Amino acid sequence: MSAKWELESSDVNHLFDVMARLPNRSEEVINRSLKEKGAPLAIQNIEKKINISKDWRGRVLNKKHAQTASPFKVTPSNLGFEITSKKPFNYLVFPDEGIGQHNKNAQGFMQKGLDESVPEIVEQLEKDVLEEINRTLGGN
């Protein structure tokens, strides 16, 4: 179970135009921005979509819940990142993909959370590359 995001032309045509103005440093700036801002945003949106366990009366169970326990880790790649569950939370694959007798419907929280994050991530990347252009070239 993982959610993977990579820089693609369908998402970021304007970003590619901005990157062309600073070809030597834009890749470094984007990788840093994805690691420091993009991946944490995606994790936050994924965690919001995880259901919290409740008993048959609808009361929240008195235990550590994945939604609030930082269950994910990030593996950065060039112009992208992959979010996977930490070992104690590998069971999240079952509700996410709808596997097993107690998970009849796939929740898809990994991909839904990531998809929700894409516009904001792309906007942040554009902002960071433009800031680097202004810092390096002193332009607009």
N, C-alpha and C. Protein backbone atom coordinates (compact mmCIF):
# COMPACT_ATOMS: atom_id res chain seq x y z
N MET A 1 0.85 -1.16 0.00
CA MET A 1 0.00 0.00 0.00
C MET A 1 0.90 1.23 0.00
N SER A 2 0.67 2.08 -0.97
CA SER A 2 1.42 3.32 -1.01
C SER A 2 0.70 4.32 -1.89
N ALA A 3 1.06 5.55 -1.72
CA ALA A 3 0.59 6.62 -2.59
C ALA A 3 1.84 7.30 -3.13
N LYS A 4 1.93 7.34 -4.44
CA LYS A 4 3.14 7.87 -5.06
C LYS A 4 2.78 9.09 -5.90
N TRP A 5 3.59 10.14 -5.79
CA TRP A 5 3.37 11.34 -6.57
C TRP A 5 4.67 11.69 -7.27
N GLU A 6 4.56 11.97 -8.56
CA GLU A 6 5.71 12.42 -9.34
C GLU A 6 5.28 13.60 -10.19
N LEU A 7 6.22 14.43 -10.51
CA LEU A 7 5.97 15.60 -11.32
C LEU A 7 5.60 15.15 -12.73
N GLU A 8 4.41 15.54 -13.19
CA GLU A 8 3.94 15.17 -14.53
C GLU A 8 3.46 16.41 -15.26
N SER A 9 3.56 16.38 -16.58
CA SER A 9 3.21 17.56 -17.37
C SER A 9 1.72 17.89 -17.28
N SER A 10 0.87 16.90 -17.10
CA SER A 10 -0.56 17.19 -17.04
C SER A 10 -0.92 18.04 -15.83
N ASP A 11 -0.15 17.91 -14.76
CA ASP A 11 -0.42 18.66 -13.54
C ASP A 11 0.17 20.07 -13.57
N VAL A 12 1.30 20.22 -14.23
CA VAL A 12 2.11 21.39 -13.96
C VAL A 12 2.73 22.05 -15.20
N ASN A 13 1.94 22.30 -16.21
CA ASN A 13 2.48 22.95 -17.41
C ASN A 13 3.10 24.30 -17.08
N HIS A 14 2.43 25.09 -16.24
CA HIS A 14 2.96 26.41 -15.87
C HIS A 14 4.26 26.26 -15.08
N LEU A 15 4.34 25.25 -14.23
CA LEU A 15 5.56 25.03 -13.45
C LEU A 15 6.74 24.74 -14.36
N PHE A 16 6.52 23.98 -15.44
CA PHE A 16 7.61 23.70 -16.37
C PHE A 16 8.13 24.98 -17.02
N ASP A 17 7.24 25.90 -17.33
CA ASP A 17 7.66 27.19 -17.88
C ASP A 17 8.53 27.95 -16.88
N VAL A 18 8.12 27.92 -15.62
CA VAL A 18 8.89 28.60 -14.57
C VAL A 18 10.24 27.92 -14.38
N MET A 19 10.24 26.59 -14.42
CA MET A 19 11.49 25.84 -14.24
C MET A 19 12.50 26.15 -15.35
N ALA A 20 12.01 26.39 -16.55
CA ALA A 20 12.90 26.67 -17.69
C ALA A 20 13.70 27.96 -17.48
N ARG A 21 13.19 28.86 -16.65
CA ARG A 21 13.90 30.11 -16.38
C ARG A 21 15.09 29.90 -15.44
N LEU A 22 15.12 28.79 -14.75
CA LEU A 22 16.21 28.49 -13.82
C LEU A 22 16.57 27.00 -13.93
N PRO A 23 17.13 26.60 -15.07
CA PRO A 23 17.32 25.18 -15.33
C PRO A 23 18.33 24.48 -14.41
N ASN A 24 19.31 25.21 -13.91
CA ASN A 24 20.36 24.55 -13.13
C ASN A 24 19.93 24.24 -11.70
N ARG A 25 19.03 25.03 -11.14
CA ARG A 25 18.69 24.88 -9.72
C ARG A 25 17.25 24.45 -9.45
N SER A 26 16.40 24.48 -10.46
CA SER A 26 14.98 24.22 -10.21
C SER A 26 14.72 22.81 -9.69
N GLU A 27 15.47 21.84 -10.18
CA GLU A 27 15.29 20.46 -9.71
C GLU A 27 15.59 20.34 -8.22
N GLU A 28 16.67 20.96 -7.79
CA GLU A 28 17.04 20.96 -6.37
C GLU A 28 15.98 21.65 -5.52
N VAL A 29 15.48 22.78 -5.99
CA VAL A 29 14.46 23.53 -5.26
C VAL A 29 13.19 22.71 -5.14
N ILE A 30 12.78 22.07 -6.22
CA ILE A 30 11.56 21.26 -6.20
C ILE A 30 11.70 20.07 -5.26
N ASN A 31 12.83 19.37 -5.34
CA ASN A 31 13.02 18.22 -4.44
C ASN A 31 12.98 18.65 -2.97
N ARG A 32 13.60 19.77 -2.65
CA ARG A 32 13.58 20.26 -1.27
C ARG A 32 12.16 20.64 -0.85
N SER A 33 11.42 21.32 -1.74
CA SER A 33 10.06 21.73 -1.44
C SER A 33 9.15 20.52 -1.25
N LEU A 34 9.31 19.51 -2.08
CA LEU A 34 8.50 18.30 -1.93
C LEU A 34 8.77 17.61 -0.59
N LYS A 35 10.03 17.56 -0.21
CA LYS A 35 10.41 16.90 1.03
C LYS A 35 9.90 17.67 2.26
N GLU A 36 10.06 18.99 2.24
CA GLU A 36 9.74 19.80 3.41
C GLU A 36 8.28 20.23 3.49
N LYS A 37 7.62 20.39 2.35
CA LYS A 37 6.25 20.93 2.36
C LYS A 37 5.24 20.02 1.69
N GLY A 38 5.58 19.47 0.54
CA GLY A 38 4.62 18.67 -0.23
C GLY A 38 4.24 17.36 0.44
N ALA A 39 5.23 16.59 0.83
CA ALA A 39 4.95 15.29 1.46
C ALA A 39 4.22 15.44 2.79
N PRO A 40 4.62 16.37 3.67
CA PRO A 40 3.84 16.54 4.91
C PRO A 40 2.38 16.95 4.66
N LEU A 41 2.15 17.77 3.64
CA LEU A 41 0.78 18.15 3.31
C LEU A 41 -0.02 16.94 2.85
N ALA A 42 0.58 16.11 2.00
CA ALA A 42 -0.11 14.91 1.52
C ALA A 42 -0.42 13.96 2.68
N ILE A 43 0.54 13.78 3.58
CA ILE A 43 0.32 12.91 4.74
C ILE A 43 -0.83 13.44 5.59
N GLN A 44 -0.85 14.73 5.81
CA GLN A 44 -1.91 15.35 6.61
C GLN A 44 -3.28 15.08 5.98
N ASN A 45 -3.38 15.22 4.66
CA ASN A 45 -4.66 14.99 3.99
C ASN A 45 -5.05 13.52 3.98
N ILE A 46 -4.07 12.63 3.90
CA ILE A 46 -4.36 11.19 3.96
C ILE A 46 -4.84 10.82 5.36
N GLU A 47 -4.16 11.31 6.39
CA GLU A 47 -4.53 10.98 7.76
C GLU A 47 -5.95 11.43 8.09
N LYS A 48 -6.38 12.57 7.54
CA LYS A 48 -7.73 13.06 7.79
C LYS A 48 -8.79 12.09 7.27
N LYS A 49 -8.43 11.29 6.27
CA LYS A 49 -9.40 10.39 5.63
C LYS A 49 -9.47 9.01 6.29
N ILE A 50 -8.59 8.72 7.24
CA ILE A 50 -8.60 7.42 7.92
C ILE A 50 -9.71 7.43 8.97
N ASN A 51 -10.52 6.40 8.96
CA ASN A 51 -11.59 6.28 9.96
C ASN A 51 -11.01 5.93 11.33
N ILE A 52 -11.67 6.41 12.37
CA ILE A 52 -11.28 6.09 13.74
C ILE A 52 -12.18 4.95 14.22
N SER A 53 -11.58 3.93 14.85
CA SER A 53 -12.32 2.77 15.32
C SER A 53 -13.33 3.15 16.40
N LYS A 54 -14.53 2.58 16.27
CA LYS A 54 -15.59 2.81 17.25
C LYS A 54 -16.20 1.48 17.65
N ASP A 55 -16.79 1.44 18.85
CA ASP A 55 -17.45 0.21 19.27
C ASP A 55 -18.86 0.18 18.67
N TRP A 56 -19.63 -0.85 19.00
CA TRP A 56 -20.95 -1.02 18.41
C TRP A 56 -21.93 0.08 18.79
N ARG A 57 -21.62 0.84 19.85
CA ARG A 57 -22.48 1.95 20.25
C ARG A 57 -22.07 3.26 19.58
N GLY A 58 -20.99 3.23 18.83
CA GLY A 58 -20.53 4.43 18.16
C GLY A 58 -19.54 5.25 18.97
N ARG A 59 -19.09 4.70 20.10
CA ARG A 59 -18.13 5.41 20.94
C ARG A 59 -16.71 5.10 20.45
N VAL A 60 -15.85 6.09 20.49
CA VAL A 60 -14.46 5.93 20.08
C VAL A 60 -13.76 4.98 21.05
N LEU A 61 -13.06 3.99 20.51
CA LEU A 61 -12.34 3.04 21.34
C LEU A 61 -11.16 3.70 22.04
N ASN A 62 -10.88 3.27 23.24
CA ASN A 62 -9.77 3.82 24.03
C ASN A 62 -8.48 3.11 23.64
N LYS A 63 -7.92 3.52 22.49
CA LYS A 63 -6.67 2.94 22.01
C LYS A 63 -5.98 3.94 21.09
N LYS A 64 -4.78 3.61 20.70
CA LYS A 64 -4.02 4.46 19.78
C LYS A 64 -4.60 4.28 18.37
N HIS A 65 -5.02 5.36 17.75
CA HIS A 65 -5.63 5.30 16.42
C HIS A 65 -4.62 5.74 15.36
N ALA A 66 -4.69 5.09 14.22
CA ALA A 66 -3.77 5.40 13.12
C ALA A 66 -3.89 6.85 12.68
N GLN A 67 -5.08 7.41 12.75
CA GLN A 67 -5.29 8.78 12.28
C GLN A 67 -4.45 9.79 13.06
N THR A 68 -4.17 9.51 14.32
CA THR A 68 -3.45 10.47 15.15
C THR A 68 -2.07 9.98 15.58
N ALA A 69 -1.60 8.86 15.00
CA ALA A 69 -0.36 8.25 15.49
C ALA A 69 0.80 8.33 14.49
N SER A 70 0.74 9.20 13.51
CA SER A 70 1.79 9.33 12.49
C SER A 70 2.13 7.97 11.88
N PRO A 71 1.17 7.36 11.14
CA PRO A 71 1.38 6.02 10.64
C PRO A 71 2.16 5.92 9.33
N PHE A 72 2.58 7.04 8.75
CA PHE A 72 3.19 7.00 7.43
C PHE A 72 4.64 7.48 7.43
N LYS A 73 5.37 6.97 6.45
CA LYS A 73 6.74 7.43 6.22
C LYS A 73 6.84 7.84 4.75
N VAL A 74 7.78 8.72 4.48
CA VAL A 74 7.97 9.25 3.13
C VAL A 74 9.31 8.78 2.58
N THR A 75 9.28 8.31 1.34
CA THR A 75 10.50 7.98 0.62
C THR A 75 10.63 8.97 -0.52
N PRO A 76 11.57 9.91 -0.42
CA PRO A 76 11.70 10.89 -1.50
C PRO A 76 12.35 10.27 -2.74
N SER A 77 11.97 10.77 -3.89
CA SER A 77 12.60 10.40 -5.15
C SER A 77 12.85 11.68 -5.92
N ASN A 78 13.48 11.58 -7.05
CA ASN A 78 13.75 12.77 -7.84
C ASN A 78 12.45 13.30 -8.42
N LEU A 79 12.08 14.51 -8.05
CA LEU A 79 10.86 15.18 -8.48
C LEU A 79 9.61 14.41 -8.08
N GLY A 80 9.64 13.77 -6.92
CA GLY A 80 8.48 13.03 -6.43
C GLY A 80 8.72 12.48 -5.04
N PHE A 81 7.75 11.72 -4.55
CA PHE A 81 7.88 11.05 -3.26
C PHE A 81 6.86 9.92 -3.20
N GLU A 82 7.10 8.98 -2.29
CA GLU A 82 6.18 7.87 -2.07
C GLU A 82 5.86 7.81 -0.58
N ILE A 83 4.59 7.67 -0.27
CA ILE A 83 4.15 7.57 1.12
C ILE A 83 3.72 6.14 1.37
N THR A 84 4.31 5.52 2.38
CA THR A 84 3.95 4.16 2.76
C THR A 84 3.67 4.12 4.25
N SER A 85 3.04 3.05 4.70
CA SER A 85 2.75 2.93 6.12
C SER A 85 3.97 2.40 6.85
N LYS A 86 4.13 2.83 8.10
CA LYS A 86 5.17 2.29 8.95
C LYS A 86 4.77 0.89 9.34
N LYS A 87 5.73 0.07 9.72
CA LYS A 87 5.48 -1.35 9.97
C LYS A 87 4.30 -1.62 10.92
N PRO A 88 4.18 -0.94 12.07
CA PRO A 88 3.04 -1.26 12.95
C PRO A 88 1.68 -0.94 12.33
N PHE A 89 1.67 -0.16 11.25
CA PHE A 89 0.42 0.26 10.64
C PHE A 89 0.20 -0.36 9.26
N ASN A 90 0.91 -1.44 8.97
CA ASN A 90 0.74 -2.10 7.67
C ASN A 90 -0.67 -2.64 7.47
N TYR A 91 -1.40 -2.84 8.56
CA TYR A 91 -2.78 -3.33 8.45
C TYR A 91 -3.69 -2.34 7.71
N LEU A 92 -3.26 -1.09 7.56
CA LEU A 92 -4.08 -0.10 6.88
C LEU A 92 -4.36 -0.46 5.41
N VAL A 93 -3.59 -1.39 4.87
CA VAL A 93 -3.83 -1.83 3.50
C VAL A 93 -5.21 -2.46 3.37
N PHE A 94 -5.71 -3.10 4.43
CA PHE A 94 -6.99 -3.80 4.35
C PHE A 94 -8.17 -2.84 4.17
N PRO A 95 -8.34 -1.82 5.02
CA PRO A 95 -9.46 -0.91 4.76
C PRO A 95 -9.23 -0.03 3.53
N ASP A 96 -7.97 0.29 3.23
CA ASP A 96 -7.70 1.15 2.08
C ASP A 96 -8.10 0.47 0.78
N GLU A 97 -7.78 -0.81 0.66
CA GLU A 97 -8.05 -1.53 -0.59
C GLU A 97 -9.29 -2.41 -0.51
N GLY A 98 -9.97 -2.46 0.63
CA GLY A 98 -11.18 -3.26 0.76
C GLY A 98 -10.89 -4.75 0.77
N ILE A 99 -9.82 -5.15 1.44
CA ILE A 99 -9.41 -6.56 1.49
C ILE A 99 -9.88 -7.16 2.81
N GLY A 100 -10.36 -8.40 2.76
CA GLY A 100 -10.75 -9.11 3.97
C GLY A 100 -12.25 -9.08 4.21
N GLN A 101 -12.72 -9.95 5.11
CA GLN A 101 -14.16 -10.09 5.31
C GLN A 101 -14.79 -8.91 6.03
N HIS A 102 -14.01 -8.11 6.76
CA HIS A 102 -14.56 -6.96 7.48
C HIS A 102 -14.43 -5.65 6.71
N ASN A 103 -13.86 -5.71 5.53
CA ASN A 103 -13.62 -4.50 4.73
C ASN A 103 -14.20 -4.70 3.34
N LYS A 104 -15.50 -4.65 3.26
CA LYS A 104 -16.19 -4.94 1.99
C LYS A 104 -15.97 -3.86 0.93
N ASN A 105 -15.81 -2.63 1.36
CA ASN A 105 -15.65 -1.51 0.43
C ASN A 105 -14.27 -0.88 0.59
N ALA A 106 -13.60 -0.69 -0.53
CA ALA A 106 -12.30 -0.02 -0.51
C ALA A 106 -12.52 1.45 -0.16
N GLN A 107 -11.79 1.94 0.84
CA GLN A 107 -11.91 3.34 1.24
C GLN A 107 -11.05 4.24 0.38
N GLY A 108 -9.91 3.75 -0.09
CA GLY A 108 -9.05 4.51 -0.97
C GLY A 108 -8.52 5.80 -0.37
N PHE A 109 -8.33 5.83 0.95
CA PHE A 109 -7.92 7.08 1.59
C PHE A 109 -6.53 7.53 1.17
N MET A 110 -5.66 6.59 0.82
CA MET A 110 -4.31 6.98 0.40
C MET A 110 -4.37 7.83 -0.87
N GLN A 111 -5.03 7.32 -1.90
CA GLN A 111 -5.07 8.04 -3.17
C GLN A 111 -5.94 9.28 -3.09
N LYS A 112 -7.05 9.20 -2.36
CA LYS A 112 -7.93 10.37 -2.22
C LYS A 112 -7.20 11.52 -1.52
N GLY A 113 -6.47 11.21 -0.46
CA GLY A 113 -5.73 12.24 0.25
C GLY A 113 -4.64 12.85 -0.61
N LEU A 114 -3.96 12.00 -1.38
CA LEU A 114 -2.91 12.49 -2.26
C LEU A 114 -3.50 13.36 -3.37
N ASP A 115 -4.59 12.90 -3.97
CA ASP A 115 -5.22 13.68 -5.05
C ASP A 115 -5.70 15.04 -4.55
N GLU A 116 -6.18 15.08 -3.32
CA GLU A 116 -6.64 16.33 -2.73
C GLU A 116 -5.47 17.31 -2.54
N SER A 117 -4.27 16.78 -2.36
CA SER A 117 -3.09 17.60 -2.09
C SER A 117 -2.43 18.16 -3.34
N VAL A 118 -2.64 17.55 -4.49
CA VAL A 118 -1.89 17.90 -5.70
C VAL A 118 -1.97 19.39 -6.06
N PRO A 119 -3.15 20.01 -6.12
CA PRO A 119 -3.17 21.43 -6.50
C PRO A 119 -2.35 22.32 -5.56
N GLU A 120 -2.44 22.05 -4.28
CA GLU A 120 -1.69 22.86 -3.31
C GLU A 120 -0.19 22.59 -3.41
N ILE A 121 0.19 21.35 -3.67
CA ILE A 121 1.61 21.01 -3.82
C ILE A 121 2.18 21.73 -5.04
N VAL A 122 1.46 21.68 -6.16
CA VAL A 122 1.94 22.32 -7.38
C VAL A 122 2.06 23.83 -7.19
N GLU A 123 1.08 24.42 -6.51
CA GLU A 123 1.13 25.86 -6.23
C GLU A 123 2.35 26.20 -5.38
N GLN A 124 2.64 25.39 -4.38
CA GLN A 124 3.80 25.61 -3.52
C GLN A 124 5.10 25.46 -4.30
N LEU A 125 5.16 24.48 -5.20
CA LEU A 125 6.36 24.30 -6.02
C LEU A 125 6.60 25.52 -6.89
N GLU A 126 5.55 26.02 -7.54
CA GLU A 126 5.69 27.22 -8.37
C GLU A 126 6.20 28.39 -7.54
N LYS A 127 5.63 28.56 -6.37
CA LYS A 127 6.03 29.65 -5.48
C LYS A 127 7.51 29.53 -5.10
N ASP A 128 7.94 28.32 -4.72
CA ASP A 128 9.33 28.13 -4.30
C ASP A 128 10.31 28.33 -5.44
N VAL A 129 9.96 27.86 -6.65
CA VAL A 129 10.85 28.06 -7.80
C VAL A 129 10.92 29.54 -8.16
N LEU A 130 9.79 30.24 -8.12
CA LEU A 130 9.80 31.68 -8.40
C LEU A 130 10.62 32.45 -7.37
N GLU A 131 10.51 32.06 -6.11
CA GLU A 131 11.33 32.71 -5.07
C GLU A 131 12.81 32.49 -5.33
N GLU A 132 13.18 31.29 -5.75
CA GLU A 132 14.59 31.00 -6.05
C GLU A 132 15.05 31.80 -7.27
N ILE A 133 14.18 31.95 -8.26
CA ILE A 133 14.52 32.75 -9.43
C ILE A 133 14.76 34.19 -9.01
N ASN A 134 13.89 34.74 -8.19
CA ASN A 134 14.04 36.12 -7.72
C ASN A 134 15.31 36.27 -6.88
N ARG A 135 15.61 35.28 -6.07
CA ARG A 135 16.80 35.34 -5.23
C ARG A 135 18.07 35.23 -6.07
N THR A 136 18.06 34.35 -7.06
CA THR A 136 19.25 34.10 -7.87
C THR A 136 19.45 35.17 -8.94
N LEU A 137 18.39 35.46 -9.68
CA LEU A 137 18.50 36.36 -10.82
C LEU A 137 18.09 37.79 -10.50
N GLY A 138 17.39 37.97 -9.38
CA GLY A 138 16.91 39.29 -9.02
C GLY A 138 15.81 39.78 -9.93
N GLY A 139 15.08 38.84 -10.54
CA GLY A 139 14.00 39.23 -11.48
C GLY A 139 12.64 39.17 -10.84
N ASN A 140 11.60 39.24 -11.68
CA ASN A 140 10.22 39.19 -11.21
C ASN A 140 9.72 37.80 -11.21
